[in-house]
Protein backbone atom coordinates (compact mmCIF):
# COMPACT_ATOMS: atom_id res chain seq x y z
CA MET A 1 -32.04 -11.43 -10.16
CA THR A 2 -31.44 -7.69 -9.96
CA ASP A 3 -28.20 -6.15 -11.16
CA THR A 4 -25.85 -4.77 -8.57
CA PRO A 5 -26.04 -0.96 -8.80
CA LYS A 6 -22.94 0.92 -9.84
CA ALA A 7 -21.16 2.73 -7.07
CA ALA A 8 -22.10 6.39 -6.93
CA PRO A 9 -19.23 8.88 -7.30
CA VAL A 10 -17.93 10.48 -4.14
CA ALA A 11 -19.20 14.03 -3.77
CA TYR A 12 -15.95 15.75 -4.71
CA GLN A 13 -15.86 13.77 -7.99
CA ASN A 14 -19.53 14.37 -8.82
CA GLU A 15 -19.21 16.86 -11.68
CA PRO A 16 -22.94 17.64 -12.04
CA PHE A 17 -23.01 18.55 -8.35
CA LEU A 18 -19.79 20.59 -8.54
CA ASP A 19 -21.18 22.53 -11.51
CA SER A 20 -24.55 23.15 -9.85
CA PRO A 21 -25.66 26.09 -7.68
CA ASP A 22 -25.25 23.84 -4.62
CA GLY A 23 -21.59 23.34 -5.50
CA ARG A 24 -20.87 27.08 -5.75
CA ILE A 25 -19.27 27.32 -2.31
CA LEU A 26 -16.79 24.58 -3.27
CA ARG A 27 -15.92 26.38 -6.49
CA ILE A 28 -15.34 29.59 -4.55
CA LEU A 29 -13.12 27.81 -2.03
CA ALA A 30 -11.18 26.21 -4.87
CA GLU A 31 -10.39 29.66 -6.27
CA TYR A 32 -8.94 30.53 -2.88
CA GLN A 33 -7.12 27.32 -1.97
CA GLU A 34 -5.64 26.32 -5.35
CA PRO A 35 -3.88 29.67 -5.93
CA LEU A 36 -2.72 29.67 -2.30
CA ALA A 37 -1.14 26.24 -2.76
CA ARG A 38 0.61 27.36 -5.94
CA PHE A 39 1.91 30.60 -4.45
CA ARG A 40 3.35 28.62 -1.55
CA ARG A 41 4.91 26.06 -3.88
CA GLU A 42 6.42 28.79 -6.07
CA GLN A 43 7.61 30.68 -2.96
CA ILE A 44 5.87 33.95 -3.79
CA GLN A 45 5.97 36.30 -0.82
CA ASP A 46 4.44 39.44 -2.30
CA THR A 47 3.65 41.25 -5.52
CA VAL A 48 3.45 44.56 -7.36
CA VAL A 49 0.30 44.66 -9.47
CA PHE A 50 0.05 46.44 -12.84
CA PHE A 51 -3.38 47.47 -14.08
CA GLY A 52 -4.29 49.11 -17.38
CA SER A 53 -6.21 48.76 -20.60
CA ALA A 54 -6.24 45.45 -22.45
CA ARG A 55 -6.68 47.44 -25.68
CA LEU A 56 -3.35 49.27 -25.79
CA HIS A 57 -0.50 48.04 -27.96
CA GLY A 58 3.18 48.73 -28.42
CA HIS A 59 4.47 51.19 -31.02
CA LYS A 60 5.01 48.58 -33.73
CA ASP A 61 1.56 46.97 -33.47
CA ALA A 62 -0.17 50.35 -33.20
CA ALA A 63 1.60 51.60 -36.33
CA ASN A 64 0.71 48.40 -38.19
CA ALA A 65 -2.95 48.87 -37.26
CA LEU A 66 -2.94 52.37 -38.73
CA THR A 67 -1.23 51.17 -41.92
CA GLU A 68 -3.78 48.36 -42.24
CA ILE A 69 -6.65 50.85 -42.18
CA GLU A 70 -4.94 53.22 -44.62
CA ASN A 71 -4.23 50.40 -47.10
CA ASN A 72 -7.62 48.69 -46.89
CA HIS A 73 -10.20 51.45 -46.86
CA ALA A 74 -11.77 50.80 -50.26
CA GLY A 75 -15.56 50.76 -49.92
CA VAL A 76 -15.51 51.98 -46.32
CA PRO A 77 -17.89 54.92 -45.77
CA GLU A 78 -16.01 58.16 -45.19
CA ALA A 79 -17.49 58.79 -41.74
CA GLU A 80 -16.59 55.26 -40.59
CA LEU A 81 -13.10 55.55 -42.08
CA GLU A 82 -12.54 58.82 -40.23
CA LYS A 83 -13.50 57.16 -36.93
CA ASP A 84 -11.24 54.19 -37.63
CA LEU A 85 -8.29 56.46 -38.45
CA LYS A 86 -8.92 58.54 -35.34
CA ARG A 87 -8.94 55.42 -33.12
CA ALA A 88 -5.81 54.09 -34.80
CA GLN A 89 -4.00 57.41 -34.30
CA ALA A 90 -5.07 57.40 -30.66
CA GLY A 91 -3.59 53.91 -30.42
CA ILE A 92 -0.25 55.25 -31.61
CA ASP A 93 -0.42 58.13 -29.13
CA MET A 94 -1.21 55.71 -26.27
CA ALA A 95 1.45 53.17 -27.26
CA ARG A 96 3.99 54.93 -25.05
CA TYR A 97 2.16 53.58 -22.03
CA TYR A 98 2.67 50.01 -23.23
CA GLU A 99 6.38 50.68 -23.65
CA ASP A 100 6.59 52.40 -20.25
CA ALA A 101 4.82 49.50 -18.49
CA ARG A 102 7.25 47.08 -20.09
CA ARG A 103 10.24 49.15 -19.01
CA LEU A 104 9.00 49.70 -15.47
CA ALA A 105 8.27 46.00 -14.96
CA HIS A 106 11.75 45.19 -16.26
CA MET A 107 13.41 47.66 -13.89
CA LEU A 108 11.38 46.50 -10.90
CA THR A 109 12.09 42.84 -11.58
CA LYS A 110 15.81 43.40 -12.11
CA TRP A 111 15.93 45.08 -8.71
CA SER A 112 13.69 42.60 -6.91
CA ILE A 113 15.71 39.53 -7.88
CA THR A 114 18.78 41.05 -6.20
CA ILE A 115 17.00 41.18 -2.82
CA PRO A 116 18.41 38.44 -0.58
CA ALA A 117 15.37 36.49 0.60
CA ARG A 118 14.15 32.93 0.79
CA ARG A 119 11.04 33.77 -1.20
CA HIS A 120 10.39 35.88 -4.29
CA ARG A 121 9.71 39.54 -3.49
CA PHE A 122 7.58 42.10 -5.33
CA VAL A 123 6.73 39.81 -8.25
CA VAL A 124 5.15 41.64 -11.19
CA THR A 125 1.49 40.61 -11.41
CA THR A 126 -1.20 41.45 -13.95
CA GLY A 127 -4.64 40.37 -15.04
CA GLY A 128 -2.88 38.07 -17.49
CA GLY A 129 -4.38 39.43 -20.69
CA PRO A 130 -3.19 41.64 -23.57
CA GLY A 131 -2.37 45.35 -23.59
CA ILE A 132 -0.77 46.84 -20.48
CA MET A 133 -0.98 43.43 -18.81
CA GLU A 134 1.06 41.85 -21.58
CA ALA A 135 3.57 44.70 -21.46
CA ALA A 136 4.23 44.25 -17.73
CA ASN A 137 4.49 40.47 -17.96
CA LEU A 138 6.84 40.88 -20.93
CA GLY A 139 9.11 43.31 -19.10
CA ALA A 140 9.37 41.04 -16.07
CA HIS A 141 9.98 38.01 -18.29
CA GLU A 142 12.75 39.81 -20.15
CA ALA A 143 14.38 40.68 -16.82
CA GLY A 144 14.57 37.00 -15.93
CA GLY A 145 12.07 36.99 -13.07
CA LYS A 146 8.88 35.15 -12.31
CA THR A 147 5.70 36.94 -13.33
CA ILE A 148 2.06 36.23 -12.47
CA GLY A 149 -1.12 36.37 -14.55
CA LEU A 150 -4.52 36.30 -12.83
CA ASN A 151 -6.75 35.73 -15.82
CA ILE A 152 -10.54 35.52 -15.89
CA GLN A 153 -13.12 34.04 -18.22
CA LEU A 154 -14.65 36.86 -20.27
CA PRO A 155 -16.64 36.97 -23.52
CA PHE A 156 -14.05 39.31 -25.09
CA GLU A 157 -10.44 40.48 -24.93
CA GLN A 158 -9.19 38.22 -22.17
CA HIS A 159 -6.77 35.44 -23.05
CA PRO A 160 -3.45 34.63 -21.37
CA ASN A 161 -0.46 36.41 -22.84
CA PRO A 162 2.62 34.27 -23.53
CA TYR A 163 4.94 35.98 -21.03
CA ILE A 164 3.36 34.71 -17.80
CA THR A 165 5.44 32.17 -15.87
CA ALA A 166 3.70 28.88 -16.73
CA SER A 167 3.34 27.74 -13.13
CA LEU A 168 1.85 31.13 -12.18
CA ASN A 169 -0.79 31.33 -14.91
CA PHE A 170 -4.21 31.38 -13.20
CA GLN A 171 -7.75 31.29 -14.54
CA PHE A 172 -10.65 32.58 -12.44
CA HIS A 173 -14.40 32.47 -12.82
CA TYR A 174 -15.31 34.76 -9.91
CA PHE A 175 -14.28 38.39 -10.14
CA PHE A 176 -14.25 38.83 -6.37
CA MET A 177 -11.82 35.92 -5.85
CA ARG A 178 -9.55 37.29 -8.54
CA LYS A 179 -9.67 40.73 -6.90
CA PHE A 180 -8.87 39.13 -3.54
CA TRP A 181 -5.64 37.70 -4.96
CA PHE A 182 -4.73 41.01 -6.57
CA ALA A 183 -4.94 42.71 -3.18
CA TYR A 184 -3.86 40.00 -0.74
CA LEU A 185 -0.22 39.74 -1.80
CA ALA A 186 0.21 43.27 -3.17
CA LYS A 187 2.72 45.71 -1.75
CA GLY A 188 2.43 48.05 -4.72
CA LEU A 189 -0.17 48.96 -7.34
CA VAL A 190 0.61 50.69 -10.65
CA ILE A 191 -2.41 52.08 -12.50
CA PHE A 192 -1.78 52.73 -16.18
CA PRO A 193 -4.42 54.27 -18.47
CA GLY A 194 -7.42 51.99 -18.70
CA GLY A 195 -11.17 51.72 -18.64
CA PHE A 196 -13.89 50.62 -16.23
CA GLY A 197 -11.99 47.62 -14.87
CA THR A 198 -8.86 49.66 -14.19
CA MET A 199 -10.88 52.32 -12.36
CA ASP A 200 -12.69 49.64 -10.39
CA GLU A 201 -9.42 48.19 -9.11
CA LEU A 202 -7.97 51.62 -8.34
CA PHE A 203 -10.91 52.83 -6.30
CA GLU A 204 -11.32 49.55 -4.45
CA ILE A 205 -7.74 49.72 -3.15
CA LEU A 206 -8.04 53.45 -2.37
CA THR A 207 -11.24 52.77 -0.44
CA LEU A 208 -9.59 49.98 1.59
CA ALA A 209 -6.66 52.27 2.37
CA GLN A 210 -8.89 55.26 3.19
CA THR A 211 -10.97 53.19 5.61
CA ASP A 212 -7.91 51.58 7.20
CA LYS A 213 -8.89 48.08 6.11
CA LEU A 214 -5.41 47.16 4.88
CA ALA A 215 -3.05 45.43 7.29
CA LYS A 216 -0.07 46.63 5.25
CA LYS A 217 1.13 49.60 3.27
CA ILE A 218 0.28 49.37 -0.43
CA LEU A 219 2.04 51.94 -2.58
CA VAL A 220 -0.33 53.26 -5.24
CA ILE A 221 1.00 54.85 -8.42
CA ILE A 222 -1.27 56.45 -11.01
CA TYR A 223 0.71 56.54 -14.24
CA GLY A 224 0.15 59.24 -16.84
CA SER A 225 -1.12 62.62 -15.63
CA GLU A 226 -2.15 63.69 -19.14
CA TYR A 227 -4.60 60.79 -19.36
CA TRP A 228 -5.85 60.61 -15.80
CA ASN A 229 -6.34 64.36 -15.34
CA ARG A 230 -8.77 64.22 -18.26
CA ILE A 231 -10.59 61.19 -16.83
CA ILE A 232 -10.75 61.99 -13.10
CA ASN A 233 -10.71 65.34 -11.31
CA PHE A 234 -9.37 64.20 -7.95
CA GLN A 235 -9.34 67.72 -6.51
CA ALA A 236 -13.06 67.98 -7.23
CA PHE A 237 -13.67 65.23 -4.65
CA VAL A 238 -11.97 67.42 -2.06
CA ASP A 239 -13.66 70.64 -3.17
CA ALA A 240 -17.06 68.98 -2.89
CA GLY A 241 -16.27 67.66 0.58
CA ALA A 242 -16.50 64.02 -0.57
CA VAL A 243 -12.96 63.18 0.57
CA SER A 244 -10.36 64.95 2.66
CA GLN A 245 -7.28 66.67 1.28
CA GLU A 246 -5.18 64.03 3.07
CA ASP A 247 -6.88 61.28 1.06
CA LEU A 248 -5.04 62.52 -2.04
CA ASN A 249 -1.84 61.38 -0.34
CA LEU A 250 -2.96 57.77 -0.74
CA PHE A 251 -1.51 57.76 -4.25
CA LYS A 252 1.17 59.40 -6.36
CA ILE A 253 0.80 60.50 -9.98
CA VAL A 254 3.91 59.96 -12.11
CA ASP A 255 4.86 60.43 -15.74
CA SER A 256 7.96 58.32 -16.29
CA ALA A 257 9.15 54.79 -15.64
CA ASP A 258 12.19 56.16 -13.82
CA GLU A 259 10.05 58.23 -11.44
CA ALA A 260 7.71 55.30 -10.82
CA PHE A 261 10.60 52.92 -10.14
CA GLU A 262 12.28 55.24 -7.66
CA PHE A 263 9.00 55.74 -5.80
CA LEU A 264 8.45 51.98 -5.64
CA ARG A 265 12.04 51.17 -4.70
CA GLU A 266 12.14 53.72 -1.89
CA GLY A 267 8.68 52.85 -0.57
CA LEU A 268 9.07 49.09 -0.76
CA THR A 269 12.44 49.33 0.96
CA LYS A 270 11.10 51.63 3.68
CA TYR A 271 7.88 49.79 4.46
CA HIS A 272 8.67 46.18 3.57
CA LEU A 273 12.43 45.68 3.69
CA GLY A 274 13.11 47.66 6.84
CA GLY A 275 15.68 49.99 5.35
CA THR A 276 16.46 52.78 2.94
CA PRO A 277 17.63 52.30 -0.65
CA LYS A 278 20.19 55.09 -0.32
CA LYS A 279 22.43 52.61 1.57
CA GLU A 280 21.16 49.55 -0.24
CA ARG A 281 24.44 47.62 -0.31
CA GLU A 282 24.90 48.06 3.43
CA VAL A 283 21.28 47.52 4.45
CA LEU A 284 20.32 44.48 2.41
CA PRO A 285 22.85 42.09 4.04
CA GLU A 286 21.45 43.13 7.43
CA ILE A 287 17.94 42.44 6.19
CA ALA A 288 19.06 39.00 5.08
CA LYS A 289 20.32 38.28 8.59
CA THR A 290 17.20 39.46 10.36
CA ARG A 291 14.52 38.08 8.02
CA PRO A 292 12.58 35.12 9.48
């Protein structure tokens, strides 16, 4: 007598299939549908995304890193020690950007939670990792608002920082799905000093805006002229005929959290709240009445 075969798992519970190349389309769809369901459940209407280096630290941590090198250099070759000290000093010089990102996210969140709306507006969003991402999530957390982290599996650097709202802590495998969620809900983008990934995100959004592929106005701030003017010569694009002079109006370069906040507040109010912040107390009640 033959044994009755065990029931095979249904396809959506078949882990070998889901993990196989044939299951890739389902994994991709999951990275669209699962975040969508959570954003709806958490009542997130739109976001302001902060990008920047994962390798920057606040003043205290940067100073501690320098002290650590100075106190533990026995046996380190002089040339290597000089490089380490130079990097540590650069970390102290760049720490102001961490502090500025934290302050800007705090200011933006404090303002956004006063907006009368059924859903959460202009929620601070980052890549969920350390550095500038941590700073922005921290500032929003300290202001008492929700804050989003769109993390991704990487072989280095990337782990969730502790300031992300627990229900809005995401983990992605596919870069392009993560980038979709950065752009899809964004009404503002703040680009702090960073590396290849930061530049990738900046130029992708600028390209979408330049080619009129965005169905909404996304305010783009490039933070820190001293850094970015050394990294990118934007005027050279124009001089070479690669972009038009008008394309440089797609973004604004700022050097302080106050300047960045005012630009965001005015632009978000104008394009996405239907009013002007100069009469905020009079306009916002009217917005509350007319919002769907």
